[in-house]
């Protein structure tokens, strides 16, 4: 995971766009293990938590992506899966102007 983090951050910084007035927000799950394999695989034991998404319980991370109407990445945030969706979205949307719901 640490080997890919620096190139990923560099790529996302290079591809970052500015808000154009219309923005879209989405959260997606990044499932690390299937729920039945949690006790057998302990690689992410200290960093990953179990959380609930719209499709049920999962063990992994959540990614929050804000894009503009031209598919440009404005902001991205990755959290553990047990974080409430409203908190990271409001933190990343503070840099945007206008009203978000």
PDB file of N, CA and C in Angstrom:
ATOM      1  N   UNK A   1       0.827  -1.193   0.000  1.00  0.00           N
ATOM      2  CA  UNK A   1       0.000   0.000   0.000  1.00  0.00           C
ATOM      3  C   UNK A   1       0.869   1.254   0.000  1.00  0.00           C
ATOM      4  N   UNK A   2       1.941   1.272   0.783  1.00  0.00           N
ATOM      5  CA  UNK A   2       2.793   2.453   0.854  1.00  0.00           C
ATOM      6  C   UNK A   2       3.530   2.685  -0.458  1.00  0.00           C
ATOM      7  N   UNK A   3       3.814   1.625  -1.207  1.00  0.00           N
ATOM      8  CA  UNK A   3       4.530   1.769  -2.470  1.00  0.00           C
ATOM      9  C   UNK A   3       3.705   2.497  -3.522  1.00  0.00           C
ATOM     10  N   UNK A   4       2.410   2.378  -3.472  1.00  0.00           N
ATOM     11  CA  UNK A   4       1.553   2.984  -4.479  1.00  0.00           C
ATOM     12  C   UNK A   4       1.057   4.366  -4.064  1.00  0.00           C
ATOM     13  N   UNK A   5       1.197   4.725  -2.789  1.00  0.00           N
ATOM     14  CA  UNK A   5       0.625   5.966  -2.285  1.00  0.00           C
ATOM     15  C   UNK A   5       1.256   7.209  -2.899  1.00  0.00           C
ATOM     16  N   UNK A   6       2.564   7.269  -3.012  1.00  0.00           N
ATOM     17  CA  UNK A   6       3.238   8.451  -3.564  1.00  0.00           C
ATOM     18  C   UNK A   6       2.903   8.652  -5.039  1.00  0.00           C
ATOM     19  N   UNK A   7       2.986   7.622  -5.901  1.00  0.00           N
ATOM     20  CA  UNK A   7       2.594   7.846  -7.296  1.00  0.00           C
ATOM     21  C   UNK A   7       1.115   8.209  -7.453  1.00  0.00           C
ATOM     22  N   UNK A   8       0.255   7.632  -6.616  1.00  0.00           N
ATOM     23  CA  UNK A   8      -1.165   7.953  -6.691  1.00  0.00           C
ATOM     24  C   UNK A   8      -1.423   9.405  -6.326  1.00  0.00           C
ATOM     25  N   UNK A   9      -0.810   9.888  -5.250  1.00  0.00           N
ATOM     26  CA  UNK A   9      -0.970  11.292  -4.853  1.00  0.00           C
ATOM     27  C   UNK A   9      -0.425  12.233  -5.918  1.00  0.00           C
ATOM     28  N   UNK A  10       0.683  11.875  -6.519  1.00  0.00           N
ATOM     29  CA  UNK A  10       1.258  12.690  -7.585  1.00  0.00           C
ATOM     30  C   UNK A  10       0.323  12.753  -8.788  1.00  0.00           C
ATOM     31  N   UNK A  11      -0.237  11.626  -9.170  1.00  0.00           N
ATOM     32  CA  UNK A  11      -1.158  11.586 -10.305  1.00  0.00           C
ATOM     33  C   UNK A  11      -2.408  12.409 -10.029  1.00  0.00           C
ATOM     34  N   UNK A  12      -2.983  12.253  -8.826  1.00  0.00           N
ATOM     35  CA  UNK A  12      -4.202  12.982  -8.501  1.00  0.00           C
ATOM     36  C   UNK A  12      -3.958  14.479  -8.406  1.00  0.00           C
ATOM     37  N   UNK A  13      -2.789  14.893  -7.930  1.00  0.00           N
ATOM     38  CA  UNK A  13      -2.455  16.316  -7.888  1.00  0.00           C
ATOM     39  C   UNK A  13      -2.310  16.868  -9.298  1.00  0.00           C
ATOM     40  N   UNK A  14      -1.724  16.091 -10.192  1.00  0.00           N
ATOM     41  CA  UNK A  14      -1.555  16.510 -11.586  1.00  0.00           C
ATOM     42  C   UNK A  14      -2.900  16.626 -12.303  1.00  0.00           C
ATOM     43  N   UNK A  15      -3.843  15.746 -11.983  1.00  0.00           N
ATOM     44  CA  UNK A  15      -5.144  15.716 -12.658  1.00  0.00           C
ATOM     45  C   UNK A  15      -6.195  16.583 -11.980  1.00  0.00           C
ATOM     46  N   UNK A  16      -5.837  17.311 -10.933  1.00  0.00           N
ATOM     47  CA  UNK A  16      -6.818  18.091 -10.192  1.00  0.00           C
ATOM     48  C   UNK A  16      -7.354  19.235 -11.038  1.00  0.00           C
ATOM     49  N   UNK A  17      -8.670  19.432 -10.998  1.00  0.00           N
ATOM     50  CA  UNK A  17      -9.342  20.472 -11.767  1.00  0.00           C
ATOM     51  C   UNK A  17      -9.945  21.503 -10.834  1.00  0.00           C
ATOM     52  N   UNK A  18     -10.474  22.547 -11.427  1.00  0.00           N
ATOM     53  CA  UNK A  18     -11.151  23.597 -10.665  1.00  0.00           C
ATOM     54  C   UNK A  18     -12.666  23.411 -10.772  1.00  0.00           C
ATOM     55  N   UNK A  19     -13.401  23.878  -9.755  1.00  0.00           N
ATOM     56  CA  UNK A  19     -14.863  23.811  -9.846  1.00  0.00           C
ATOM     57  C   UNK A  19     -15.371  24.683 -10.991  1.00  0.00           C
ATOM     58  N   UNK A  20     -16.353  24.166 -11.734  1.00  0.00           N
ATOM     59  CA  UNK A  20     -16.927  24.916 -12.852  1.00  0.00           C
ATOM     60  C   UNK A  20     -18.354  25.347 -12.574  1.00  0.00           C
ATOM     61  N   UNK A  21     -18.866  25.090 -11.407  1.00  0.00           N
ATOM     62  CA  UNK A  21     -20.226  25.468 -11.058  1.00  0.00           C
ATOM     63  C   UNK A  21     -21.099  24.265 -10.743  1.00  0.00           C
ATOM     64  N   UNK A  22     -20.944  23.191 -11.479  1.00  0.00           N
ATOM     65  CA  UNK A  22     -21.709  21.967 -11.237  1.00  0.00           C
ATOM     66  C   UNK A  22     -20.737  20.902 -10.751  1.00  0.00           C
ATOM     67  N   UNK A  23     -21.016  20.347  -9.584  1.00  0.00           N
ATOM     68  CA  UNK A  23     -20.146  19.305  -9.038  1.00  0.00           C
ATOM     69  C   UNK A  23     -20.977  18.085  -8.659  1.00  0.00           C
ATOM     70  N   UNK A  24     -20.343  16.940  -8.711  1.00  0.00           N
ATOM     71  CA  UNK A  24     -20.970  15.678  -8.348  1.00  0.00           C
ATOM     72  C   UNK A  24     -20.144  15.030  -7.246  1.00  0.00           C
ATOM     73  N   UNK A  25     -20.837  14.465  -6.259  1.00  0.00           N
ATOM     74  CA  UNK A  25     -20.184  13.817  -5.124  1.00  0.00           C
ATOM     75  C   UNK A  25     -20.589  12.348  -5.117  1.00  0.00           C
ATOM     76  N   UNK A  26     -19.619  11.472  -4.896  1.00  0.00           N
ATOM     77  CA  UNK A  26     -19.920  10.045  -4.820  1.00  0.00           C
ATOM     78  C   UNK A  26     -18.997   9.394  -3.806  1.00  0.00           C
ATOM     79  N   UNK A  27     -19.530   8.420  -3.102  1.00  0.00           N
ATOM     80  CA  UNK A  27     -18.699   7.619  -2.203  1.00  0.00           C
ATOM     81  C   UNK A  27     -18.758   6.173  -2.672  1.00  0.00           C
ATOM     82  N   UNK A  28     -17.623   5.515  -2.614  1.00  0.00           N
ATOM     83  CA  UNK A  28     -17.527   4.123  -3.049  1.00  0.00           C
ATOM     84  C   UNK A  28     -16.769   3.325  -2.006  1.00  0.00           C
ATOM     85  N   UNK A  29     -17.118   2.062  -1.898  1.00  0.00           N
ATOM     86  CA  UNK A  29     -16.400   1.211  -0.955  1.00  0.00           C
ATOM     87  C   UNK A  29     -15.205   0.579  -1.648  1.00  0.00           C
ATOM     88  N   UNK A  30     -14.141   0.408  -0.882  1.00  0.00           N
ATOM     89  CA  UNK A  30     -12.957  -0.312  -1.335  1.00  0.00           C
ATOM     90  C   UNK A  30     -12.816  -1.490  -0.380  1.00  0.00           C
ATOM     91  N   UNK A  31     -13.377  -2.613  -0.775  1.00  0.00           N
ATOM     92  CA  UNK A  31     -13.405  -3.780   0.103  1.00  0.00           C
ATOM     93  C   UNK A  31     -12.059  -4.489   0.066  1.00  0.00           C
ATOM     94  N   UNK A  32     -11.468  -4.683   1.245  1.00  0.00           N
ATOM     95  CA  UNK A  32     -10.166  -5.333   1.349  1.00  0.00           C
ATOM     96  C   UNK A  32     -10.328  -6.847   1.393  1.00  0.00           C
ATOM     97  N   UNK A  33     -11.210  -7.332   2.240  1.00  0.00           N
ATOM     98  CA  UNK A  33     -11.456  -8.761   2.383  1.00  0.00           C
ATOM     99  C   UNK A  33     -12.950  -9.019   2.349  1.00  0.00           C
ATOM    100  N   UNK A  34     -13.318 -10.235   1.976  1.00  0.00           N
ATOM    101  CA  UNK A  34     -14.695 -10.675   2.131  1.00  0.00           C
ATOM    102  C   UNK A  34     -14.947 -10.855   3.628  1.00  0.00           C
ATOM    103  N   UNK A  35     -16.186 -10.676   4.052  1.00  0.00           N
ATOM    104  CA  UNK A  35     -16.498 -10.734   5.484  1.00  0.00           C
ATOM    105  C   UNK A  35     -16.121 -12.063   6.132  1.00  0.00           C
ATOM    106  N   UNK A  36     -16.172 -13.154   5.395  1.00  0.00           N
ATOM    107  CA  UNK A  36     -15.823 -14.455   5.973  1.00  0.00           C
ATOM    108  C   UNK A  36     -14.323 -14.651   6.123  1.00  0.00           C
ATOM    109  N   UNK A  37     -13.516 -13.845   5.470  1.00  0.00           N
ATOM    110  CA  UNK A  37     -12.054 -14.004   5.498  1.00  0.00           C
ATOM    111  C   UNK A  37     -11.359 -13.024   6.443  1.00  0.00           C
ATOM    112  N   UNK A  38     -12.099 -12.238   7.188  1.00  0.00           N
ATOM    113  CA  UNK A  38     -11.507 -11.197   8.037  1.00  0.00           C
ATOM    114  C   UNK A  38     -10.565 -11.793   9.077  1.00  0.00           C
ATOM    115  N   UNK A  39     -10.962 -12.855   9.731  1.00  0.00           N
ATOM    116  CA  UNK A  39     -10.138 -13.423  10.801  1.00  0.00           C
ATOM    117  C   UNK A  39      -8.919 -14.170  10.275  1.00  0.00           C
ATOM    118  N   UNK A  40      -8.964 -14.660   9.047  1.00  0.00           N
ATOM    119  CA  UNK A  40      -7.829 -15.390   8.481  1.00  0.00           C
ATOM    120  C   UNK A  40      -6.756 -14.465   7.934  1.00  0.00           C
ATOM    121  N   UNK A  41      -7.152 -13.328   7.404  1.00  0.00           N
ATOM    122  CA  UNK A  41      -6.199 -12.395   6.803  1.00  0.00           C
ATOM    123  C   UNK A  41      -6.047 -11.184   7.721  1.00  0.00           C
ATOM    124  N   UNK A  42      -4.851 -10.916   8.171  1.00  0.00           N
ATOM    125  CA  UNK A  42      -4.614  -9.861   9.153  1.00  0.00           C
ATOM    126  C   UNK A  42      -3.669  -8.775   8.643  1.00  0.00           C
ATOM    127  N   UNK A  43      -3.506  -8.640   7.336  1.00  0.00           N
ATOM    128  CA  UNK A  43      -2.563  -7.683   6.777  1.00  0.00           C
ATOM    129  C   UNK A  43      -2.925  -6.242   7.128  1.00  0.00           C
ATOM    130  N   UNK A  44      -4.195  -5.879   7.036  1.00  0.00           N
ATOM    131  CA  UNK A  44      -4.646  -4.519   7.313  1.00  0.00           C
ATOM    132  C   UNK A  44      -5.312  -4.408   8.681  1.00  0.00           C
ATOM    133  N   UNK A  45      -4.933  -5.250   9.618  1.00  0.00           N
ATOM    134  CA  UNK A  45      -5.608  -5.333  10.913  1.00  0.00           C
ATOM    135  C   UNK A  45      -5.644  -3.997  11.651  1.00  0.00           C
ATOM    136  N   UNK A  46      -4.562  -3.221  11.595  1.00  0.00           N
ATOM    137  CA  UNK A  46      -4.488  -1.980  12.365  1.00  0.00           C
ATOM    138  C   UNK A  46      -5.086  -0.781  11.642  1.00  0.00           C
ATOM    139  N   UNK A  47      -5.277  -0.847  10.330  1.00  0.00           N
ATOM    140  CA  UNK A  47      -5.734   0.328   9.589  1.00  0.00           C
ATOM    141  C   UNK A  47      -7.158   0.225   9.076  1.00  0.00           C
ATOM    142  N   UNK A  48      -7.692  -0.963   8.914  1.00  0.00           N
ATOM    143  CA  UNK A  48      -9.008  -1.148   8.311  1.00  0.00           C
ATOM    144  C   UNK A  48     -10.038  -1.461   9.386  1.00  0.00           C
ATOM    145  N   UNK A  49     -11.231  -0.924   9.213  1.00  0.00           N
ATOM    146  CA  UNK A  49     -12.343  -1.181  10.126  1.00  0.00           C
ATOM    147  C   UNK A  49     -13.514  -1.747   9.337  1.00  0.00           C
ATOM    148  N   UNK A  50     -14.439  -2.361  10.055  1.00  0.00           N
ATOM    149  CA  UNK A  50     -15.637  -2.879   9.420  1.00  0.00           C
ATOM    150  C   UNK A  50     -16.705  -1.798   9.444  1.00  0.00           C
ATOM    151  N   UNK A  51     -17.359  -1.592   8.315  1.00  0.00           N
ATOM    152  CA  UNK A  51     -18.384  -0.566   8.218  1.00  0.00           C
ATOM    153  C   UNK A  51     -19.551  -1.043   7.392  1.00  0.00           C
ATOM    154  N   UNK A  52     -20.566  -0.191   7.301  1.00  0.00           N
ATOM    155  CA  UNK A  52     -21.765  -0.560   6.572  1.00  0.00           C
ATOM    156  C   UNK A  52     -21.984   0.414   5.431  1.00  0.00           C
ATOM    157  N   UNK A  53     -22.224  -0.124   4.269  1.00  0.00           N
ATOM    158  CA  UNK A  53     -22.562   0.672   3.099  1.00  0.00           C
ATOM    159  C   UNK A  53     -23.992   0.390   2.685  1.00  0.00           C
ATOM    160  N   UNK A  54     -24.377   0.868   1.514  1.00  0.00           N
ATOM    161  CA  UNK A  54     -25.738   0.638   1.040  1.00  0.00           C
ATOM    162  C   UNK A  54     -25.985  -0.821   0.686  1.00  0.00           C
ATOM    163  N   UNK A  55     -24.933  -1.555   0.393  1.00  0.00           N
ATOM    164  CA  UNK A  55     -25.071  -2.962   0.021  1.00  0.00           C
ATOM    165  C   UNK A  55     -24.766  -3.900   1.192  1.00  0.00           C
ATOM    166  N   UNK A  56     -24.684  -3.380   2.407  1.00  0.00           N
ATOM    167  CA  UNK A  56     -24.446  -4.221   3.574  1.00  0.00           C
ATOM    168  C   UNK A  56     -23.083  -3.970   4.199  1.00  0.00           C
ATOM    169  N   UNK A  57     -22.693  -4.878   5.085  1.00  0.00           N
ATOM    170  CA  UNK A  57     -21.436  -4.743   5.816  1.00  0.00           C
ATOM    171  C   UNK A  57     -20.254  -5.119   4.937  1.00  0.00           C
ATOM    172  N   UNK A  58     -19.131  -4.423   5.140  1.00  0.00           N
ATOM    173  CA  UNK A  58     -17.903  -4.755   4.428  1.00  0.00           C
ATOM    174  C   UNK A  58     -16.711  -4.356   5.275  1.00  0.00           C
ATOM    175  N   UNK A  59     -15.550  -4.847   4.907  1.00  0.00           N
ATOM    176  CA  UNK A  59     -14.303  -4.632   5.638  1.00  0.00           C
ATOM    177  C   UNK A  59     -13.331  -3.961   4.684  1.00  0.00           C
ATOM    178  N   UNK A  60     -13.067  -2.669   4.906  1.00  0.00           N
ATOM    179  CA  UNK A  60     -12.175  -1.960   3.991  1.00  0.00           C
ATOM    180  C   UNK A  60     -12.179  -0.463   4.209  1.00  0.00           C
ATOM    181  N   UNK A  61     -12.123   0.264   3.109  1.00  0.00           N
ATOM    182  CA  UNK A  61     -12.060   1.720   3.112  1.00  0.00           C
ATOM    183  C   UNK A  61     -13.238   2.292   2.338  1.00  0.00           C
ATOM    184  N   UNK A  62     -13.449   3.603   2.475  1.00  0.00           N
ATOM    185  CA  UNK A  62     -14.408   4.330   1.651  1.00  0.00           C
ATOM    186  C   UNK A  62     -13.665   5.456   0.952  1.00  0.00           C
ATOM    187  N   UNK A  63     -13.983   5.669  -0.310  1.00  0.00           N
ATOM    188  CA  UNK A  63     -13.398   6.790  -1.041  1.00  0.00           C
ATOM    189  C   UNK A  63     -14.510   7.776  -1.379  1.00  0.00           C
ATOM    190  N   UNK A  64     -14.214   9.047  -1.241  1.00  0.00           N
ATOM    191  CA  UNK A  64     -15.150  10.122  -1.536  1.00  0.00           C
ATOM    192  C   UNK A  64     -14.550  10.959  -2.652  1.00  0.00           C
ATOM    193  N   UNK A  65     -15.279  11.113  -3.740  1.00  0.00           N
ATOM    194  CA  UNK A  65     -14.777  11.781  -4.924  1.00  0.00           C
ATOM    195  C   UNK A  65     -15.723  12.911  -5.293  1.00  0.00           C
ATOM    196  N   UNK A  66     -15.169  14.096  -5.513  1.00  0.00           N
ATOM    197  CA  UNK A  66     -15.933  15.237  -6.000  1.00  0.00           C
ATOM    198  C   UNK A  66     -15.374  15.592  -7.369  1.00  0.00           C
ATOM    199  N   UNK A  67     -16.246  15.579  -8.389  1.00  0.00           N
ATOM    200  CA  UNK A  67     -15.817  15.903  -9.749  1.00  0.00           C
ATOM    201  C   UNK A  67     -16.675  17.042 -10.286  1.00  0.00           C
ATOM    202  N   UNK A  68     -16.164  17.730 -11.318  1.00  0.00           N
ATOM    203  CA  UNK A  68     -16.957  18.769 -11.963  1.00  0.00           C
ATOM    204  C   UNK A  68     -17.721  18.179 -13.143  1.00  0.00           C
ATOM    205  N   UNK A  69     -18.469  19.018 -13.871  1.00  0.00           N
ATOM    206  CA  UNK A  69     -19.295  18.526 -14.972  1.00  0.00           C
ATOM    207  C   UNK A  69     -18.482  18.099 -16.189  1.00  0.00           C
ATOM    208  N   UNK A  70     -17.179  18.363 -16.194  1.00  0.00           N
ATOM    209  CA  UNK A  70     -16.304  17.948 -17.289  1.00  0.00           C
ATOM    210  C   UNK A  70     -15.452  16.741 -16.884  1.00  0.00           C
ATOM    211  N   UNK A  71     -15.853  16.043 -15.838  1.00  0.00           N
ATOM    212  CA  UNK A  71     -15.186  14.846 -15.299  1.00  0.00           C
ATOM    213  C   UNK A  71     -13.802  15.131 -14.749  1.00  0.00           C
ATOM    214  N   UNK A  72     -13.540  16.353 -14.337  1.00  0.00           N
ATOM    215  CA  UNK A  72     -12.275  16.692 -13.699  1.00  0.00           C
ATOM    216  C   UNK A  72     -12.356  16.455 -12.204  1.00  0.00           C
ATOM    217  N   UNK A  73     -11.317  15.880 -11.640  1.00  0.00           N
ATOM    218  CA  UNK A  73     -11.289  15.586 -10.207  1.00  0.00           C
ATOM    219  C   UNK A  73     -11.036  16.877  -9.436  1.00  0.00           C
ATOM    220  N   UNK A  74     -11.956  17.224  -8.557  1.00  0.00           N
ATOM    221  CA  UNK A  74     -11.792  18.401  -7.712  1.00  0.00           C
ATOM    222  C   UNK A  74     -11.193  18.005  -6.377  1.00  0.00           C
ATOM    223  N   UNK A  75     -11.713  16.935  -5.785  1.00  0.00           N
ATOM    224  CA  UNK A  75     -11.236  16.516  -4.473  1.00  0.00           C
ATOM    225  C   UNK A  75     -11.475  15.018  -4.301  1.00  0.00           C
ATOM    226  N   UNK A  76     -10.587  14.388  -3.554  1.00  0.00           N
ATOM    227  CA  UNK A  76     -10.738  12.969  -3.227  1.00  0.00           C
ATOM    228  C   UNK A  76     -10.264  12.758  -1.794  1.00  0.00           C
ATOM    229  N   UNK A  77     -10.953  11.869  -1.098  1.00  0.00           N
ATOM    230  CA  UNK A  77     -10.581  11.553   0.278  1.00  0.00           C
ATOM    231  C   UNK A  77     -10.843  10.075   0.514  1.00  0.00           C
ATOM    232  N   UNK A  78      -9.940   9.416   1.222  1.00  0.00           N
ATOM    233  CA  UNK A  78     -10.083   8.000   1.559  1.00  0.00           C
ATOM    234  C   UNK A  78     -10.090   7.880   3.077  1.00  0.00           C
ATOM    235  N   UNK A  79     -11.108   7.188   3.614  1.00  0.00           N
ATOM    236  CA  UNK A  79     -11.226   6.991   5.057  1.00  0.00           C
ATOM    237  C   UNK A  79     -11.468   5.512   5.345  1.00  0.00           C
ATOM    238  N   UNK A  80     -11.424   5.165   6.622  1.00  0.00           N
ATOM    239  CA  UNK A  80     -11.819   3.816   7.008  1.00  0.00           C
ATOM    240  C   UNK A  80     -13.326   3.684   6.828  1.00  0.00           C
ATOM    241  N   UNK A  81     -13.814   2.472   6.787  1.00  0.00           N
ATOM    242  CA  UNK A  81     -15.215   2.261   6.432  1.00  0.00           C
ATOM    243  C   UNK A  81     -16.201   2.577   7.547  1.00  0.00           C
ATOM    244  N   UNK A  82     -15.730   2.794   8.760  1.00  0.00           N
ATOM    245  CA  UNK A  82     -16.653   3.062   9.859  1.00  0.00           C
ATOM    246  C   UNK A  82     -16.913   4.551  10.073  1.00  0.00           C
ATOM    247  N   UNK A  83     -16.482   5.407   9.157  1.00  0.00           N
ATOM    248  CA  UNK A  83     -16.685   6.851   9.262  1.00  0.00           C
ATOM    249  C   UNK A  83     -18.029   7.213   8.638  1.00  0.00           C
ATOM    250  N   UNK A  84     -18.784   8.101   9.304  1.00  0.00           N
ATOM    251  CA  UNK A  84     -20.065   8.566   8.784  1.00  0.00           C
ATOM    252  C   UNK A  84     -19.843   9.339   7.482  1.00  0.00           C
ATOM    253  N   UNK A  85     -20.653   9.076   6.465  1.00  0.00           N
ATOM    254  CA  UNK A  85     -20.469   9.682   5.146  1.00  0.00           C
ATOM    255  C   UNK A  85     -20.586  11.206   5.154  1.00  0.00           C
ATOM    256  N   UNK A  86     -21.357  11.762   6.049  1.00  0.00           N
ATOM    257  CA  UNK A  86     -21.572  13.213   6.042  1.00  0.00           C
ATOM    258  C   UNK A  86     -20.332  13.999   6.440  1.00  0.00           C
ATOM    259  N   UNK A  87     -19.503  13.460   7.308  1.00  0.00           N
ATOM    260  CA  UNK A  87     -18.332  14.197   7.790  1.00  0.00           C
ATOM    261  C   UNK A  87     -17.275  14.414   6.704  1.00  0.00           C
ATOM    262  N   UNK A  88     -16.783  13.382   6.006  1.00  0.00           N
ATOM    263  CA  UNK A  88     -15.758  13.626   4.976  1.00  0.00           C
ATOM    264  C   UNK A  88     -16.270  14.447   3.799  1.00  0.00           C
ATOM    265  N   UNK A  89     -17.545  14.273   3.451  1.00  0.00           N
ATOM    266  CA  UNK A  89     -18.083  15.041   2.330  1.00  0.00           C
ATOM    267  C   UNK A  89     -18.157  16.513   2.684  1.00  0.00           C
ATOM    268  N   UNK A  90     -18.590  16.833   3.897  1.00  0.00           N
ATOM    269  CA  UNK A  90     -18.649  18.248   4.278  1.00  0.00           C
ATOM    270  C   UNK A  90     -17.254  18.846   4.426  1.00  0.00           C
ATOM    271  N   UNK A  91     -16.276  18.040   4.865  1.00  0.00           N
ATOM    272  CA  UNK A  91     -14.902  18.545   4.967  1.00  0.00           C
ATOM    273  C   UNK A  91     -14.306  18.839   3.595  1.00  0.00           C
ATOM    274  N   UNK A  92     -14.537  17.961   2.627  1.00  0.00           N
ATOM    275  CA  UNK A  92     -13.976  18.175   1.290  1.00  0.00           C
ATOM    276  C   UNK A  92     -14.757  19.214   0.506  1.00  0.00           C
ATOM    277  N   UNK A  93     -16.028  19.409   0.828  1.00  0.00           N
ATOM    278  CA  UNK A  93     -16.840  20.377   0.098  1.00  0.00           C
ATOM    279  C   UNK A  93     -16.677  21.799   0.624  1.00  0.00           C
ATOM    280  N   UNK A  94     -15.949  22.004   1.711  1.00  0.00           N
ATOM    281  CA  UNK A  94     -15.754  23.352   2.242  1.00  0.00           C
ATOM    282  C   UNK A  94     -15.037  24.262   1.253  1.00  0.00           C
ATOM    283  N   UNK A  95     -14.192  23.691   0.405  1.00  0.00           N
ATOM    284  CA  UNK A  95     -13.456  24.501  -0.559  1.00  0.00           C
ATOM    285  C   UNK A  95     -14.320  24.923  -1.747  1.00  0.00           C
ATOM    286  N   UNK A  96     -15.475  24.298  -1.905  1.00  0.00           N
ATOM    287  CA  UNK A  96     -16.368  24.655  -3.004  1.00  0.00           C
ATOM    288  C   UNK A  96     -17.248  25.826  -2.602  1.00  0.00           C
ATOM    289  N   UNK A  97     -17.643  26.614  -3.573  1.00  0.00           N
ATOM    290  CA  UNK A  97     -18.561  27.704  -3.292  1.00  0.00           C
ATOM    291  C   UNK A  97     -19.957  27.256  -3.680  1.00  0.00           C
ATOM    292  N   UNK A  98     -20.968  27.873  -3.112  1.00  0.00           N
ATOM    293  CA  UNK A  98     -22.344  27.514  -3.419  1.00  0.00           C
ATOM    294  C   UNK A  98     -22.936  26.616  -2.351  1.00  0.00           C
ATOM    295  N   UNK A  99     -24.054  26.030  -2.689  1.00  0.00           N
ATOM    296  CA  UNK A  99     -24.797  25.204  -1.749  1.00  0.00           C
ATOM    297  C   UNK A  99     -24.686  23.752  -2.173  1.00  0.00           C
ATOM    298  N   UNK A 100     -24.459  22.867  -1.214  1.00  0.00           N
ATOM    299  CA  UNK A 100     -24.454  21.439  -1.492  1.00  0.00           C
ATOM    300  C   UNK A 100     -25.418  20.763  -0.548  1.00  0.00           C
ATOM    301  N   UNK A 101     -26.042  19.700  -1.018  1.00  0.00           N
ATOM    302  CA  UNK A 101     -26.985  18.959  -0.176  1.00  0.00           C
ATOM    303  C   UNK A 101     -26.672  17.494  -0.211  1.00  0.00           C
TER     304      UNK A 101
END
